Amino acid sequence: MIDNGHESATRPRGPSVDAPATRRHTPANDPSSLRARGPALYSVRDAARALAVSRSTLYELISAGELQTVTIGSRRLVPAWEIGQFVQRLCVHGE
């Protein structure tokens, strides 16, 4: 487009109304979906229940490096994704 000095001849700058959003809300990054999926972090007791093992067994798995944990204050917590990955590893390796 030739710039003849008239603003009416130029397009307005910036994103158009029809421009796609730069970030789409998917289940992985949509904060409102966290409640539907469950907690992001599990206590040791709840993680043991989710895996159907005792707390002692869960601590053994943590000590062996089979499960990663995070610490918030004095609480040791197991990320939900880590529980899922552990179960997948069990299914793949048949342990």
Protein backbone atom coordinates (compact mmCIF):
# COMPACT_ATOMS: atom_id res chain seq x y z
CA MET A 1 0.00 0.00 0.00
CA ILE A 2 1.36 3.43 -0.89
CA ASP A 3 1.66 5.86 1.99
CA ASN A 4 0.27 9.14 0.74
CA GLY A 5 0.27 10.79 4.15
CA HIS A 6 -3.41 10.19 4.82
CA GLU A 7 -4.28 8.00 7.77
CA SER A 8 -7.38 6.69 6.04
CA ALA A 9 -5.15 5.06 3.43
CA THR A 10 -3.23 3.00 5.99
CA ARG A 11 -4.43 0.03 7.97
CA PRO A 12 -4.55 0.37 11.72
CA ARG A 13 -1.60 -1.27 13.40
CA GLY A 14 -1.82 -3.97 16.04
CA PRO A 15 -3.67 -7.28 16.16
CA SER A 16 -6.90 -7.51 14.28
CA VAL A 17 -10.10 -8.57 15.97
CA ASP A 18 -9.94 -11.89 14.15
CA ALA A 19 -6.35 -12.66 15.21
CA PRO A 20 -6.00 -15.99 17.02
CA ALA A 21 -5.10 -15.93 20.67
CA THR A 22 -1.42 -16.38 21.35
CA ARG A 23 -2.08 -18.82 24.19
CA ARG A 24 -4.83 -21.36 24.08
CA HIS A 25 -6.29 -22.77 27.24
CA THR A 26 -5.79 -26.51 27.14
CA PRO A 27 -6.39 -28.91 30.00
CA ALA A 28 -2.67 -28.83 30.76
CA ASN A 29 -2.45 -25.06 31.27
CA ASP A 30 -6.00 -24.05 32.18
CA PRO A 31 -6.11 -23.21 35.89
CA SER A 32 -9.86 -23.88 36.06
CA SER A 33 -9.29 -27.52 35.08
CA LEU A 34 -7.06 -28.27 38.09
CA ARG A 35 -10.03 -28.88 40.33
CA ALA A 36 -11.54 -31.33 37.84
CA ARG A 37 -8.28 -33.28 37.62
CA GLY A 38 -7.62 -33.41 41.34
CA PRO A 39 -4.84 -31.98 43.47
CA ALA A 40 -1.50 -31.13 41.91
CA LEU A 41 0.36 -32.37 45.00
CA TYR A 42 -0.44 -35.31 47.26
CA SER A 43 0.60 -35.86 50.86
CA VAL A 44 2.62 -39.01 51.45
CA ARG A 45 -0.46 -40.63 53.00
CA ASP A 46 -2.69 -39.74 50.03
CA ALA A 47 -0.05 -40.76 47.49
CA ALA A 48 0.28 -44.13 49.24
CA ARG A 49 -3.49 -44.56 49.07
CA ALA A 50 -3.53 -43.61 45.38
CA LEU A 51 -0.90 -46.28 44.68
CA ALA A 52 -2.49 -48.82 47.03
CA VAL A 53 0.70 -49.24 49.06
CA SER A 54 1.60 -48.55 52.68
CA ARG A 55 3.26 -45.32 53.78
CA SER A 56 6.40 -47.33 54.57
CA THR A 57 6.49 -48.70 51.04
CA LEU A 58 6.01 -45.22 49.62
CA TYR A 59 8.92 -43.91 51.69
CA GLU A 60 11.03 -46.81 50.40
CA LEU A 61 10.12 -45.88 46.82
CA ILE A 62 11.08 -42.25 47.54
CA SER A 63 14.40 -43.32 49.10
CA ALA A 64 15.14 -45.55 46.12
CA GLY A 65 14.56 -42.65 43.72
CA GLU A 66 11.47 -44.24 42.19
CA LEU A 67 9.28 -41.25 43.14
CA GLN A 68 10.32 -37.61 43.17
CA THR A 69 8.94 -35.34 45.88
CA VAL A 70 8.84 -31.65 46.68
CA THR A 71 9.03 -30.02 50.08
CA ILE A 72 6.89 -27.07 51.08
CA GLY A 73 7.76 -25.94 54.56
CA SER A 74 8.17 -29.17 56.49
CA ARG A 75 5.73 -31.15 54.32
CA ARG A 76 6.94 -33.70 51.80
CA LEU A 77 4.55 -33.86 48.85
CA VAL A 78 4.33 -36.05 45.78
CA PRO A 79 3.39 -34.31 42.50
CA ALA A 80 0.37 -35.87 40.79
CA TRP A 81 2.26 -36.18 37.49
CA GLU A 82 5.00 -38.14 39.28
CA ILE A 83 2.44 -40.69 40.49
CA GLY A 84 1.15 -41.04 36.93
CA GLN A 85 4.65 -41.48 35.52
CA PHE A 86 5.48 -44.07 38.16
CA VAL A 87 2.42 -46.11 37.23
CA GLN A 88 3.36 -45.86 33.53
CA ARG A 89 6.88 -47.09 34.29
CA LEU A 90 5.41 -50.03 36.19
CA CYS A 91 3.19 -50.92 33.25
CA VAL A 92 6.02 -50.65 30.73
CA HIS A 93 8.55 -52.61 32.78
CA GLY A 94 6.02 -55.04 34.22
CA GLU A 95 7.29 -54.61 37.76
